[in-house]
Amino acid sequence: MRVIFTALAVLLISWSAKAEKPEHFIVDTAEDLAQLCSAKPESETYAAAIHFCHGFASGAYHYYKVEALSNPAKEFICFKEPMPTRTSVLNDFVGWLHENPQYKSNEAVDVLFRYLGETYPCKN
């Protein structure tokens, strides 16, 4: 089962956002992810970009949760009640990245988890 999740994560990470057509979306860097997540409603690819953004982030987070279940000591993201919406979390991620441009060229998943860990830390 872990092999399947690892393969899925590798596939998600290797896809991309630089091209204009949804079938060519690539997410290598945090900036790529932020561009997808901040697509404008008037854009021709808005629905595809937002869904790709949400799917990428959701897949990464669920993979993290599976890993955290197998080793609770590694858990570092703890959402509090009321749970924020996925849209609000990703909109805030885009804003956070604009305030922290030094991370724009880093790996998208790494930066997403940096943001989540800083914004929703576990208090032990």
PDB file of N, CA and C in Angstrom:
ATOM      1  N   MET A   1       0.819  -1.192   0.000  1.00  0.00           N
ATOM      2  CA  MET A   1       0.000   0.000   0.000  1.00  0.00           C
ATOM      3  C   MET A   1       0.864   1.258   0.000  1.00  0.00           C
ATOM      4  N   ARG A   2       1.949   1.227   0.778  1.00  0.00           N
ATOM      5  CA  ARG A   2       2.844   2.376   0.829  1.00  0.00           C
ATOM      6  C   ARG A   2       3.462   2.644  -0.543  1.00  0.00           C
ATOM      7  N   VAL A   3       3.747   1.592  -1.294  1.00  0.00           N
ATOM      8  CA  VAL A   3       4.321   1.739  -2.635  1.00  0.00           C
ATOM      9  C   VAL A   3       3.347   2.477  -3.547  1.00  0.00           C
ATOM     10  N   ILE A   4       2.066   2.168  -3.433  1.00  0.00           N
ATOM     11  CA  ILE A   4       1.047   2.833  -4.253  1.00  0.00           C
ATOM     12  C   ILE A   4       0.994   4.320  -3.915  1.00  0.00           C
ATOM     13  N   PHE A   5       0.985   4.651  -2.624  1.00  0.00           N
ATOM     14  CA  PHE A   5       0.947   6.057  -2.226  1.00  0.00           C
ATOM     15  C   PHE A   5       2.197   6.794  -2.678  1.00  0.00           C
ATOM     16  N   THR A   6       3.336   6.151  -2.589  1.00  0.00           N
ATOM     17  CA  THR A   6       4.588   6.771  -3.026  1.00  0.00           C
ATOM     18  C   THR A   6       4.560   7.022  -4.527  1.00  0.00           C
ATOM     19  N   ALA A   7       4.081   6.048  -5.278  1.00  0.00           N
ATOM     20  CA  ALA A   7       3.989   6.214  -6.733  1.00  0.00           C
ATOM     21  C   ALA A   7       3.033   7.349  -7.087  1.00  0.00           C
ATOM     22  N   LEU A   8       1.907   7.434  -6.387  1.00  0.00           N
ATOM     23  CA  LEU A   8       0.948   8.503  -6.628  1.00  0.00           C
ATOM     24  C   LEU A   8       1.572   9.862  -6.323  1.00  0.00           C
ATOM     25  N   ALA A   9       2.287   9.955  -5.222  1.00  0.00           N
ATOM     26  CA  ALA A   9       2.940  11.215  -4.855  1.00  0.00           C
ATOM     27  C   ALA A   9       3.958  11.632  -5.906  1.00  0.00           C
ATOM     28  N   VAL A  10       4.734  10.679  -6.402  1.00  0.00           N
ATOM     29  CA  VAL A  10       5.736  10.986  -7.424  1.00  0.00           C
ATOM     30  C   VAL A  10       5.053  11.485  -8.695  1.00  0.00           C
ATOM     31  N   LEU A  11       3.958  10.853  -9.084  1.00  0.00           N
ATOM     32  CA  LEU A  11       3.219  11.306 -10.265  1.00  0.00           C
ATOM     33  C   LEU A  11       2.685  12.714 -10.069  1.00  0.00           C
ATOM     34  N   LEU A  12       2.089  12.982  -8.912  1.00  0.00           N
ATOM     35  CA  LEU A  12       1.550  14.311  -8.651  1.00  0.00           C
ATOM     36  C   LEU A  12       2.645  15.368  -8.690  1.00  0.00           C
ATOM     37  N   ILE A  13       3.775  15.059  -8.099  1.00  0.00           N
ATOM     38  CA  ILE A  13       4.865  16.023  -8.036  1.00  0.00           C
ATOM     39  C   ILE A  13       5.476  16.252  -9.412  1.00  0.00           C
ATOM     40  N   SER A  14       5.480  15.252 -10.259  1.00  0.00           N
ATOM     41  CA  SER A  14       6.133  15.388 -11.556  1.00  0.00           C
ATOM     42  C   SER A  14       5.270  16.077 -12.612  1.00  0.00           C
ATOM     43  N   TRP A  15       3.978  16.257 -12.346  1.00  0.00           N
ATOM     44  CA  TRP A  15       3.142  16.979 -13.293  1.00  0.00           C
ATOM     45  C   TRP A  15       3.487  18.447 -13.250  1.00  0.00           C
ATOM     46  N   SER A  16       2.949  19.264 -14.222  1.00  0.00           N
ATOM     47  CA  SER A  16       3.363  20.646 -14.299  1.00  0.00           C
ATOM     48  C   SER A  16       2.271  21.722 -14.520  1.00  0.00           C
ATOM     49  N   ALA A  17       2.583  23.363 -14.243  1.00  0.00           N
ATOM     50  CA  ALA A  17       1.614  24.478 -14.383  1.00  0.00           C
ATOM     51  C   ALA A  17       2.050  25.570 -15.307  1.00  0.00           C
ATOM     52  N   LYS A  18       3.115  25.381 -16.033  1.00  0.00           N
ATOM     53  CA  LYS A  18       3.656  26.467 -16.831  1.00  0.00           C
ATOM     54  C   LYS A  18       2.924  26.627 -18.159  1.00  0.00           C
ATOM     55  N   ALA A  19       2.410  25.574 -18.715  1.00  0.00           N
ATOM     56  CA  ALA A  19       1.718  25.643 -19.992  1.00  0.00           C
ATOM     57  C   ALA A  19       0.305  26.166 -19.789  1.00  0.00           C
ATOM     58  N   GLU A  20      -0.277  26.639 -20.873  1.00  0.00           N
ATOM     59  CA  GLU A  20      -1.603  27.217 -20.772  1.00  0.00           C
ATOM     60  C   GLU A  20      -2.703  26.178 -20.837  1.00  0.00           C
ATOM     61  N   LYS A  21      -2.470  25.049 -21.459  1.00  0.00           N
ATOM     62  CA  LYS A  21      -3.496  24.028 -21.593  1.00  0.00           C
ATOM     63  C   LYS A  21      -3.511  23.147 -20.353  1.00  0.00           C
ATOM     64  N   PRO A  22      -4.712  22.825 -19.843  1.00  0.00           N
ATOM     65  CA  PRO A  22      -4.798  22.000 -18.633  1.00  0.00           C
ATOM     66  C   PRO A  22      -4.036  20.679 -18.731  1.00  0.00           C
ATOM     67  N   GLU A  23      -3.987  20.090 -19.904  1.00  0.00           N
ATOM     68  CA  GLU A  23      -3.276  18.815 -20.014  1.00  0.00           C
ATOM     69  C   GLU A  23      -1.758  18.990 -19.918  1.00  0.00           C
ATOM     70  N   HIS A  24      -1.299  20.247 -19.891  1.00  0.00           N
ATOM     71  CA  HIS A  24       0.129  20.513 -19.771  1.00  0.00           C
ATOM     72  C   HIS A  24       0.495  21.195 -18.454  1.00  0.00           C
ATOM     73  N   PHE A  25      -0.410  21.235 -17.503  1.00  0.00           N
ATOM     74  CA  PHE A  25      -0.086  21.854 -16.216  1.00  0.00           C
ATOM     75  C   PHE A  25       1.119  21.155 -15.597  1.00  0.00           C
ATOM     76  N   ILE A  26       2.041  21.958 -15.072  1.00  0.00           N
ATOM     77  CA  ILE A  26       3.235  21.425 -14.417  1.00  0.00           C
ATOM     78  C   ILE A  26       3.390  22.144 -13.077  1.00  0.00           C
ATOM     79  N   VAL A  27       3.603  21.379 -12.029  1.00  0.00           N
ATOM     80  CA  VAL A  27       3.854  21.967 -10.713  1.00  0.00           C
ATOM     81  C   VAL A  27       5.201  21.460 -10.232  1.00  0.00           C
ATOM     82  N   ASP A  28       6.230  22.234 -10.510  1.00  0.00           N
ATOM     83  CA  ASP A  28       7.568  21.930 -10.015  1.00  0.00           C
ATOM     84  C   ASP A  28       7.871  22.789  -8.793  1.00  0.00           C
ATOM     85  N   THR A  29       7.560  24.077  -8.903  1.00  0.00           N
ATOM     86  CA  THR A  29       7.912  25.018  -7.851  1.00  0.00           C
ATOM     87  C   THR A  29       6.682  25.523  -7.116  1.00  0.00           C
ATOM     88  N   ALA A  30       6.934  26.160  -5.986  1.00  0.00           N
ATOM     89  CA  ALA A  30       5.835  26.762  -5.218  1.00  0.00           C
ATOM     90  C   ALA A  30       5.142  27.836  -6.054  1.00  0.00           C
ATOM     91  N   GLU A  31       5.902  28.536  -6.856  1.00  0.00           N
ATOM     92  CA  GLU A  31       5.299  29.567  -7.708  1.00  0.00           C
ATOM     93  C   GLU A  31       4.346  28.943  -8.731  1.00  0.00           C
ATOM     94  N   ASP A  32       4.702  27.789  -9.276  1.00  0.00           N
ATOM     95  CA  ASP A  32       3.807  27.081 -10.202  1.00  0.00           C
ATOM     96  C   ASP A  32       2.478  26.779  -9.514  1.00  0.00           C
ATOM     97  N   LEU A  33       2.562  26.263  -8.290  1.00  0.00           N
ATOM     98  CA  LEU A  33       1.344  25.924  -7.545  1.00  0.00           C
ATOM     99  C   LEU A  33       0.536  27.179  -7.245  1.00  0.00           C
ATOM    100  N   ALA A  34       1.194  28.235  -6.826  1.00  0.00           N
ATOM    101  CA  ALA A  34       0.502  29.488  -6.517  1.00  0.00           C
ATOM    102  C   ALA A  34      -0.196  30.065  -7.745  1.00  0.00           C
ATOM    103  N   GLN A  35       0.425  29.925  -8.912  1.00  0.00           N
ATOM    104  CA  GLN A  35      -0.215  30.415 -10.140  1.00  0.00           C
ATOM    105  C   GLN A  35      -1.507  29.660 -10.422  1.00  0.00           C
ATOM    106  N   LEU A  36      -1.480  28.352 -10.226  1.00  0.00           N
ATOM    107  CA  LEU A  36      -2.708  27.570 -10.419  1.00  0.00           C
ATOM    108  C   LEU A  36      -3.765  27.974  -9.403  1.00  0.00           C
ATOM    109  N   CYS A  37      -3.349  28.101  -8.147  1.00  0.00           N
ATOM    110  CA  CYS A  37      -4.293  28.387  -7.063  1.00  0.00           C
ATOM    111  C   CYS A  37      -4.859  29.795  -7.119  1.00  0.00           C
ATOM    112  N   SER A  38      -4.211  30.679  -7.855  1.00  0.00           N
ATOM    113  CA  SER A  38      -4.693  32.057  -7.950  1.00  0.00           C
ATOM    114  C   SER A  38      -5.260  32.365  -9.333  1.00  0.00           C
ATOM    115  N   ALA A  39      -5.660  31.340 -10.057  1.00  0.00           N
ATOM    116  CA  ALA A  39      -6.251  31.550 -11.388  1.00  0.00           C
ATOM    117  C   ALA A  39      -7.466  32.471 -11.275  1.00  0.00           C
ATOM    118  N   LYS A  40      -7.631  33.302 -12.261  1.00  0.00           N
ATOM    119  CA  LYS A  40      -8.745  34.255 -12.292  1.00  0.00           C
ATOM    120  C   LYS A  40      -9.975  33.600 -12.914  1.00  0.00           C
ATOM    121  N   PRO A  41     -11.163  33.886 -12.364  1.00  0.00           N
ATOM    122  CA  PRO A  41     -12.394  33.274 -12.891  1.00  0.00           C
ATOM    123  C   PRO A  41     -12.635  33.528 -14.377  1.00  0.00           C
ATOM    124  N   GLU A  42     -12.118  34.633 -14.892  1.00  0.00           N
ATOM    125  CA  GLU A  42     -12.317  34.933 -16.315  1.00  0.00           C
ATOM    126  C   GLU A  42     -11.355  34.162 -17.218  1.00  0.00           C
ATOM    127  N   SER A  43     -10.392  33.486 -16.625  1.00  0.00           N
ATOM    128  CA  SER A  43      -9.437  32.706 -17.406  1.00  0.00           C
ATOM    129  C   SER A  43     -10.118  31.505 -18.058  1.00  0.00           C
ATOM    130  N   GLU A  44      -9.674  31.205 -19.251  1.00  0.00           N
ATOM    131  CA  GLU A  44     -10.200  30.061 -20.001  1.00  0.00           C
ATOM    132  C   GLU A  44      -9.961  28.739 -19.264  1.00  0.00           C
ATOM    133  N   THR A  45      -8.888  28.683 -18.516  1.00  0.00           N
ATOM    134  CA  THR A  45      -8.517  27.446 -17.817  1.00  0.00           C
ATOM    135  C   THR A  45      -8.795  27.509 -16.314  1.00  0.00           C
ATOM    136  N   TYR A  46      -9.635  28.451 -15.879  1.00  0.00           N
ATOM    137  CA  TYR A  46      -9.891  28.656 -14.453  1.00  0.00           C
ATOM    138  C   TYR A  46     -10.321  27.370 -13.743  1.00  0.00           C
ATOM    139  N   ALA A  47     -11.353  26.725 -14.228  1.00  0.00           N
ATOM    140  CA  ALA A  47     -11.878  25.530 -13.547  1.00  0.00           C
ATOM    141  C   ALA A  47     -10.810  24.441 -13.454  1.00  0.00           C
ATOM    142  N   ALA A  48     -10.119  24.202 -14.548  1.00  0.00           N
ATOM    143  CA  ALA A  48      -9.081  23.171 -14.544  1.00  0.00           C
ATOM    144  C   ALA A  48      -7.946  23.545 -13.597  1.00  0.00           C
ATOM    145  N   ALA A  49      -7.542  24.815 -13.603  1.00  0.00           N
ATOM    146  CA  ALA A  49      -6.432  25.252 -12.754  1.00  0.00           C
ATOM    147  C   ALA A  49      -6.793  25.133 -11.272  1.00  0.00           C
ATOM    148  N   ILE A  50      -7.974  25.598 -10.899  1.00  0.00           N
ATOM    149  CA  ILE A  50      -8.391  25.536  -9.489  1.00  0.00           C
ATOM    150  C   ILE A  50      -8.543  24.087  -9.046  1.00  0.00           C
ATOM    151  N   HIS A  51      -9.130  23.266  -9.893  1.00  0.00           N
ATOM    152  CA  HIS A  51      -9.293  21.850  -9.533  1.00  0.00           C
ATOM    153  C   HIS A  51      -7.935  21.151  -9.438  1.00  0.00           C
ATOM    154  N   PHE A  52      -7.021  21.488 -10.317  1.00  0.00           N
ATOM    155  CA  PHE A  52      -5.679  20.904 -10.250  1.00  0.00           C
ATOM    156  C   PHE A  52      -4.994  21.339  -8.957  1.00  0.00           C
ATOM    157  N   CYS A  53      -5.089  22.622  -8.634  1.00  0.00           N
ATOM    158  CA  CYS A  53      -4.518  23.160  -7.392  1.00  0.00           C
ATOM    159  C   CYS A  53      -5.061  22.405  -6.188  1.00  0.00           C
ATOM    160  N   HIS A  54      -6.379  22.302  -6.101  1.00  0.00           N
ATOM    161  CA  HIS A  54      -7.008  21.628  -4.963  1.00  0.00           C
ATOM    162  C   HIS A  54      -6.655  20.144  -4.934  1.00  0.00           C
ATOM    163  N   GLY A  55      -6.619  19.513  -6.084  1.00  0.00           N
ATOM    164  CA  GLY A  55      -6.276  18.093  -6.142  1.00  0.00           C
ATOM    165  C   GLY A  55      -4.837  17.847  -5.738  1.00  0.00           C
ATOM    166  N   PHE A  56      -3.934  18.693  -6.203  1.00  0.00           N
ATOM    167  CA  PHE A  56      -2.523  18.573  -5.851  1.00  0.00           C
ATOM    168  C   PHE A  56      -2.348  18.709  -4.338  1.00  0.00           C
ATOM    169  N   ALA A  57      -2.921  19.768  -3.777  1.00  0.00           N
ATOM    170  CA  ALA A  57      -2.781  20.029  -2.339  1.00  0.00           C
ATOM    171  C   ALA A  57      -3.463  18.947  -1.514  1.00  0.00           C
ATOM    172  N   SER A  58      -4.633  18.536  -1.924  1.00  0.00           N
ATOM    173  CA  SER A  58      -5.361  17.503  -1.188  1.00  0.00           C
ATOM    174  C   SER A  58      -4.612  16.176  -1.218  1.00  0.00           C
ATOM    175  N   GLY A  59      -4.094  15.806  -2.369  1.00  0.00           N
ATOM    176  CA  GLY A  59      -3.322  14.569  -2.486  1.00  0.00           C
ATOM    177  C   GLY A  59      -2.071  14.600  -1.631  1.00  0.00           C
ATOM    178  N   ALA A  60      -1.372  15.726  -1.633  1.00  0.00           N
ATOM    179  CA  ALA A  60      -0.165  15.860  -0.815  1.00  0.00           C
ATOM    180  C   ALA A  60      -0.520  15.762   0.664  1.00  0.00           C
ATOM    181  N   TYR A  61      -1.595  16.434   1.067  1.00  0.00           N
ATOM    182  CA  TYR A  61      -1.991  16.419   2.475  1.00  0.00           C
ATOM    183  C   TYR A  61      -2.429  15.021   2.918  1.00  0.00           C
ATOM    184  N   HIS A  62      -3.177  14.333   2.089  1.00  0.00           N
ATOM    185  CA  HIS A  62      -3.621  12.986   2.463  1.00  0.00           C
ATOM    186  C   HIS A  62      -2.444  12.014   2.538  1.00  0.00           C
ATOM    187  N   TYR A  63      -1.476  12.192   1.689  1.00  0.00           N
ATOM    188  CA  TYR A  63      -0.269  11.363   1.786  1.00  0.00           C
ATOM    189  C   TYR A  63       0.437  11.649   3.109  1.00  0.00           C
ATOM    190  N   TYR A  64       0.545  12.919   3.463  1.00  0.00           N
ATOM    191  CA  TYR A  64       1.142  13.304   4.746  1.00  0.00           C
ATOM    192  C   TYR A  64       0.385  12.650   5.906  1.00  0.00           C
ATOM    193  N   LYS A  65      -0.950  12.669   5.870  1.00  0.00           N
ATOM    194  CA  LYS A  65      -1.742  12.094   6.957  1.00  0.00           C
ATOM    195  C   LYS A  65      -1.502  10.590   7.087  1.00  0.00           C
ATOM    196  N   VAL A  66      -1.389   9.893   5.975  1.00  0.00           N
ATOM    197  CA  VAL A  66      -1.101   8.451   6.025  1.00  0.00           C
ATOM    198  C   VAL A  66       0.257   8.227   6.685  1.00  0.00           C
ATOM    199  N   GLU A  67       1.242   9.020   6.321  1.00  0.00           N
ATOM    200  CA  GLU A  67       2.565   8.900   6.930  1.00  0.00           C
ATOM    201  C   GLU A  67       2.514   9.248   8.417  1.00  0.00           C
ATOM    202  N   ALA A  68       1.752  10.277   8.782  1.00  0.00           N
ATOM    203  CA  ALA A  68       1.644  10.683  10.187  1.00  0.00           C
ATOM    204  C   ALA A  68       0.950   9.610  11.017  1.00  0.00           C
ATOM    205  N   LEU A  69       0.010   8.883  10.428  1.00  0.00           N
ATOM    206  CA  LEU A  69      -0.651   7.790  11.145  1.00  0.00           C
ATOM    207  C   LEU A  69       0.329   6.680  11.469  1.00  0.00           C
ATOM    208  N   SER A  70       1.275   6.452  10.573  1.00  0.00           N
ATOM    209  CA  SER A  70       2.241   5.387  10.809  1.00  0.00           C
ATOM    210  C   SER A  70       3.349   5.831  11.772  1.00  0.00           C
ATOM    211  N   ASN A  71       3.503   7.146  11.968  1.00  0.00           N
ATOM    212  CA  ASN A  71       4.493   7.659  12.899  1.00  0.00           C
ATOM    213  C   ASN A  71       3.993   8.991  13.464  1.00  0.00           C
ATOM    214  N   PRO A  72       3.114   8.942  14.478  1.00  0.00           N
ATOM    215  CA  PRO A  72       2.519  10.164  15.029  1.00  0.00           C
ATOM    216  C   PRO A  72       3.532  11.207  15.503  1.00  0.00           C
ATOM    217  N   ALA A  73       4.722  10.798  15.837  1.00  0.00           N
ATOM    218  CA  ALA A  73       5.745  11.756  16.270  1.00  0.00           C
ATOM    219  C   ALA A  73       6.134  12.723  15.147  1.00  0.00           C
ATOM    220  N   LYS A  74       5.884  12.339  13.905  1.00  0.00           N
ATOM    221  CA  LYS A  74       6.226  13.189  12.762  1.00  0.00           C
ATOM    222  C   LYS A  74       5.124  14.186  12.411  1.00  0.00           C
ATOM    223  N   GLU A  75       3.983  14.107  13.086  1.00  0.00           N
ATOM    224  CA  GLU A  75       2.874  15.011  12.768  1.00  0.00           C
ATOM    225  C   GLU A  75       3.235  16.433  13.186  1.00  0.00           C
ATOM    226  N   PHE A  76       3.096  17.372  12.271  1.00  0.00           N
ATOM    227  CA  PHE A  76       3.428  18.763  12.568  1.00  0.00           C
ATOM    228  C   PHE A  76       2.374  19.740  12.059  1.00  0.00           C
ATOM    229  N   ILE A  77       1.327  19.232  11.414  1.00  0.00           N
ATOM    230  CA  ILE A  77       0.226  20.065  10.933  1.00  0.00           C
ATOM    231  C   ILE A  77      -1.025  19.647  11.681  1.00  0.00           C
ATOM    232  N   CYS A  78      -1.639  20.595  12.388  1.00  0.00           N
ATOM    233  CA  CYS A  78      -2.848  20.295  13.161  1.00  0.00           C
ATOM    234  C   CYS A  78      -3.877  21.399  12.927  1.00  0.00           C
ATOM    235  N   PHE A  79      -4.890  21.091  12.148  1.00  0.00           N
ATOM    236  CA  PHE A  79      -5.971  22.041  11.932  1.00  0.00           C
ATOM    237  C   PHE A  79      -6.856  22.068  13.171  1.00  0.00           C
ATOM    238  N   LYS A  80      -7.297  23.237  13.548  1.00  0.00           N
ATOM    239  CA  LYS A  80      -8.178  23.407  14.703  1.00  0.00           C
ATOM    240  C   LYS A  80      -9.615  23.576  14.224  1.00  0.00           C
ATOM    241  N   GLU A  81     -10.545  23.302  15.108  1.00  0.00           N
ATOM    242  CA  GLU A  81     -11.961  23.521  14.812  1.00  0.00           C
ATOM    243  C   GLU A  81     -12.271  25.002  15.011  1.00  0.00           C
ATOM    244  N   PRO A  82     -13.083  25.592  14.190  1.00  0.00           N
ATOM    245  CA  PRO A  82     -13.660  25.001  12.983  1.00  0.00           C
ATOM    246  C   PRO A  82     -12.590  24.867  11.901  1.00  0.00           C
ATOM    247  N   MET A  83     -12.666  23.762  11.189  1.00  0.00           N
ATOM    248  CA  MET A  83     -11.709  23.495  10.117  1.00  0.00           C
ATOM    249  C   MET A  83     -11.823  24.570   9.043  1.00  0.00           C
ATOM    250  N   PRO A  84     -10.695  25.101   8.595  1.00  0.00           N
ATOM    251  CA  PRO A  84     -10.758  26.061   7.487  1.00  0.00           C
ATOM    252  C   PRO A  84     -11.114  25.319   6.203  1.00  0.00           C
ATOM    253  N   THR A  85     -11.678  26.037   5.261  1.00  0.00           N
ATOM    254  CA  THR A  85     -11.991  25.416   3.980  1.00  0.00           C
ATOM    255  C   THR A  85     -10.706  25.248   3.182  1.00  0.00           C
ATOM    256  N   ARG A  86     -10.721  24.304   2.264  1.00  0.00           N
ATOM    257  CA  ARG A  86      -9.565  24.098   1.392  1.00  0.00           C
ATOM    258  C   ARG A  86      -9.284  25.377   0.610  1.00  0.00           C
ATOM    259  N   THR A  87     -10.329  26.032   0.141  1.00  0.00           N
ATOM    260  CA  THR A  87     -10.164  27.269  -0.624  1.00  0.00           C
ATOM    261  C   THR A  87      -9.476  28.338   0.215  1.00  0.00           C
ATOM    262  N   SER A  88      -9.901  28.510   1.468  1.00  0.00           N
ATOM    263  CA  SER A  88      -9.273  29.552   2.297  1.00  0.00           C
ATOM    264  C   SER A  88      -7.823  29.210   2.603  1.00  0.00           C
ATOM    265  N   VAL A  89      -7.516  27.944   2.849  1.00  0.00           N
ATOM    266  CA  VAL A  89      -6.135  27.543   3.111  1.00  0.00           C
ATOM    267  C   VAL A  89      -5.260  27.836   1.899  1.00  0.00           C
ATOM    268  N   LEU A  90      -5.737  27.485   0.719  1.00  0.00           N
ATOM    269  CA  LEU A  90      -4.923  27.686  -0.485  1.00  0.00           C
ATOM    270  C   LEU A  90      -4.819  29.163  -0.864  1.00  0.00           C
ATOM    271  N   ASN A  91      -5.884  29.928  -0.653  1.00  0.00           N
ATOM    272  CA  ASN A  91      -5.784  31.378  -0.880  1.00  0.00           C
ATOM    273  C   ASN A  91      -4.765  31.998   0.073  1.00  0.00           C
ATOM    274  N   ASP A  92      -4.785  31.565   1.322  1.00  0.00           N
ATOM    275  CA  ASP A  92      -3.820  32.068   2.294  1.00  0.00           C
ATOM    276  C   ASP A  92      -2.397  31.624   1.943  1.00  0.00           C
ATOM    277  N   PHE A  93      -2.253  30.415   1.401  1.00  0.00           N
ATOM    278  CA  PHE A  93      -0.941  29.950   0.945  1.00  0.00           C
ATOM    279  C   PHE A  93      -0.383  30.893  -0.119  1.00  0.00           C
ATOM    280  N   VAL A  94      -1.220  31.277  -1.078  1.00  0.00           N
ATOM    281  CA  VAL A  94      -0.784  32.188  -2.139  1.00  0.00           C
ATOM    282  C   VAL A  94      -0.328  33.514  -1.527  1.00  0.00           C
ATOM    283  N   GLY A  95      -1.101  34.047  -0.587  1.00  0.00           N
ATOM    284  CA  GLY A  95      -0.715  35.289   0.079  1.00  0.00           C
ATOM    285  C   GLY A  95       0.575  35.143   0.868  1.00  0.00           C
ATOM    286  N   TRP A  96       0.720  34.019   1.568  1.00  0.00           N
ATOM    287  CA  TRP A  96       1.920  33.746   2.349  1.00  0.00           C
ATOM    288  C   TRP A  96       3.141  33.677   1.429  1.00  0.00           C
ATOM    289  N   LEU A  97       2.991  33.043   0.272  1.00  0.00           N
ATOM    290  CA  LEU A  97       4.114  32.927  -0.663  1.00  0.00           C
ATOM    291  C   LEU A  97       4.525  34.301  -1.192  1.00  0.00           C
ATOM    292  N   HIS A  98       3.554  35.183  -1.426  1.00  0.00           N
ATOM    293  CA  HIS A  98       3.893  36.546  -1.863  1.00  0.00           C
ATOM    294  C   HIS A  98       4.681  37.274  -0.783  1.00  0.00           C
ATOM    295  N   GLU A  99       4.395  36.973   0.481  1.00  0.00           N
ATOM    296  CA  GLU A  99       5.121  37.595   1.594  1.00  0.00           C
ATOM    297  C   GLU A  99       6.466  36.912   1.851  1.00  0.00           C
ATOM    298  N   ASN A 100       6.663  35.732   1.294  1.00  0.00           N
ATOM    299  CA  ASN A 100       7.895  34.953   1.486  1.00  0.00           C
ATOM    300  C   ASN A 100       8.459  34.524   0.128  1.00  0.00           C
ATOM    301  N   PRO A 101       8.816  35.478  -0.714  1.00  0.00           N
ATOM    302  CA  PRO A 101       9.240  35.157  -2.086  1.00  0.00           C
ATOM    303  C   PRO A 101      10.507  34.312  -2.165  1.00  0.00           C
ATOM    304  N   GLN A 102      11.253  34.219  -1.091  1.00  0.00           N
ATOM    305  CA  GLN A 102      12.472  33.406  -1.110  1.00  0.00           C
ATOM    306  C   GLN A 102      12.166  31.930  -1.338  1.00  0.00           C
ATOM    307  N   TYR A 103      10.916  31.519  -1.169  1.00  0.00           N
ATOM    308  CA  TYR A 103      10.542  30.117  -1.354  1.00  0.00           C
ATOM    309  C   TYR A 103       9.916  29.828  -2.727  1.00  0.00           C
ATOM    310  N   LYS A 104       9.711  30.844  -3.552  1.00  0.00           N
ATOM    311  CA  LYS A 104       8.997  30.665  -4.819  1.00  0.00           C
ATOM    312  C   LYS A 104       9.611  29.610  -5.739  1.00  0.00           C
ATOM    313  N   SER A 105      10.923  29.497  -5.743  1.00  0.00           N
ATOM    314  CA  SER A 105      11.551  28.549  -6.666  1.00  0.00           C
ATOM    315  C   SER A 105      11.814  27.185  -6.025  1.00  0.00           C
ATOM    316  N   ASN A 106      11.442  27.017  -4.773  1.00  0.00           N
ATOM    317  CA  ASN A 106      11.604  25.723  -4.096  1.00  0.00           C
ATOM    318  C   ASN A 106      10.497  24.757  -4.511  1.00  0.00           C
ATOM    319  N   GLU A 107      10.703  23.475  -4.203  1.00  0.00           N
ATOM    320  CA  GLU A 107       9.720  22.436  -4.526  1.00  0.00           C
ATOM    321  C   GLU A 107       8.348  22.781  -3.952  1.00  0.00           C
ATOM    322  N   ALA A 108       7.323  22.627  -4.754  1.00  0.00           N
ATOM    323  CA  ALA A 108       5.963  22.998  -4.360  1.00  0.00           C
ATOM    324  C   ALA A 108       5.508  22.290  -3.089  1.00  0.00           C
ATOM    325  N   VAL A 109       5.713  20.997  -2.995  1.00  0.00           N
ATOM    326  CA  VAL A 109       5.251  20.242  -1.834  1.00  0.00           C
ATOM    327  C   VAL A 109       5.988  20.692  -0.577  1.00  0.00           C
ATOM    328  N   ASP A 110       7.289  20.889  -0.671  1.00  0.00           N
ATOM    329  CA  ASP A 110       8.067  21.339   0.485  1.00  0.00           C
ATOM    330  C   ASP A 110       7.554  22.680   1.007  1.00  0.00           C
ATOM    331  N   VAL A 111       7.308  23.603   0.111  1.00  0.00           N
ATOM    332  CA  VAL A 111       6.862  24.941   0.515  1.00  0.00           C
ATOM    333  C   VAL A 111       5.431  24.891   1.042  1.00  0.00           C
ATOM    334  N   LEU A 112       4.582  24.096   0.421  1.00  0.00           N
ATOM    335  CA  LEU A 112       3.216  23.949   0.922  1.00  0.00           C
ATOM    336  C   LEU A 112       3.240  23.452   2.363  1.00  0.00           C
ATOM    337  N   PHE A 113       4.075  22.456   2.655  1.00  0.00           N
ATOM    338  CA  PHE A 113       4.151  21.933   4.014  1.00  0.00           C
ATOM    339  C   PHE A 113       4.831  22.916   4.968  1.00  0.00           C
ATOM    340  N   ARG A 114       5.764  23.708   4.488  1.00  0.00           N
ATOM    341  CA  ARG A 114       6.358  24.757   5.325  1.00  0.00           C
ATOM    342  C   ARG A 114       5.254  25.717   5.755  1.00  0.00           C
ATOM    343  N   TYR A 115       4.453  26.165   4.786  1.00  0.00           N
ATOM    344  CA  TYR A 115       3.337  27.072   5.083  1.00  0.00           C
ATOM    345  C   TYR A 115       2.363  26.429   6.077  1.00  0.00           C
ATOM    346  N   LEU A 116       1.950  25.192   5.798  1.00  0.00           N
ATOM    347  CA  LEU A 116       0.981  24.531   6.679  1.00  0.00           C
ATOM    348  C   LEU A 116       1.533  24.362   8.092  1.00  0.00           C
ATOM    349  N   GLY A 117       2.797  23.974   8.203  1.00  0.00           N
ATOM    350  CA  GLY A 117       3.412  23.797   9.510  1.00  0.00           C
ATOM    351  C   GLY A 117       3.512  25.093  10.297  1.00  0.00           C
ATOM    352  N   GLU A 118       3.814  26.189   9.607  1.00  0.00           N
ATOM    353  CA  GLU A 118       3.906  27.485  10.273  1.00  0.00           C
ATOM    354  C   GLU A 118       2.537  28.028  10.648  1.00  0.00           C
ATOM    355  N   THR A 119       1.556  27.792   9.804  1.00  0.00           N
ATOM    356  CA  THR A 119       0.229  28.363   9.988  1.00  0.00           C
ATOM    357  C   THR A 119      -0.657  27.517  10.899  1.00  0.00           C
ATOM    358  N   TYR A 120      -0.494  26.203  10.831  1.00  0.00           N
ATOM    359  CA  TYR A 120      -1.324  25.277  11.611  1.00  0.00           C
ATOM    360  C   TYR A 120      -0.442  24.308  12.402  1.00  0.00           C
ATOM    361  N   PRO A 121       0.409  24.848  13.281  1.00  0.00           N
ATOM    362  CA  PRO A 121       1.335  23.948  13.995  1.00  0.00           C
ATOM    363  C   PRO A 121       0.611  23.120  15.057  1.00  0.00           C
ATOM    364  N   CYS A 122       1.184  21.966  15.348  1.00  0.00           N
ATOM    365  CA  CYS A 122       0.692  21.147  16.446  1.00  0.00           C
ATOM    366  C   CYS A 122       1.320  21.697  17.726  1.00  0.00           C
ATOM    367  N   LYS A 123       0.510  21.893  18.716  1.00  0.00           N
ATOM    368  CA  LYS A 123       1.020  22.361  20.013  1.00  0.00           C
ATOM    369  C   LYS A 123       0.989  21.185  20.956  1.00  0.00           C
ATOM    370  N   ASN A 124       2.147  20.666  21.294  1.00  0.00           N
ATOM    371  CA  ASN A 124       2.217  19.497  22.163  1.00  0.00           C
ATOM    372  C   ASN A 124       2.401  19.898  23.608  1.00  0.00           C
TER     373      ASN A 124
END
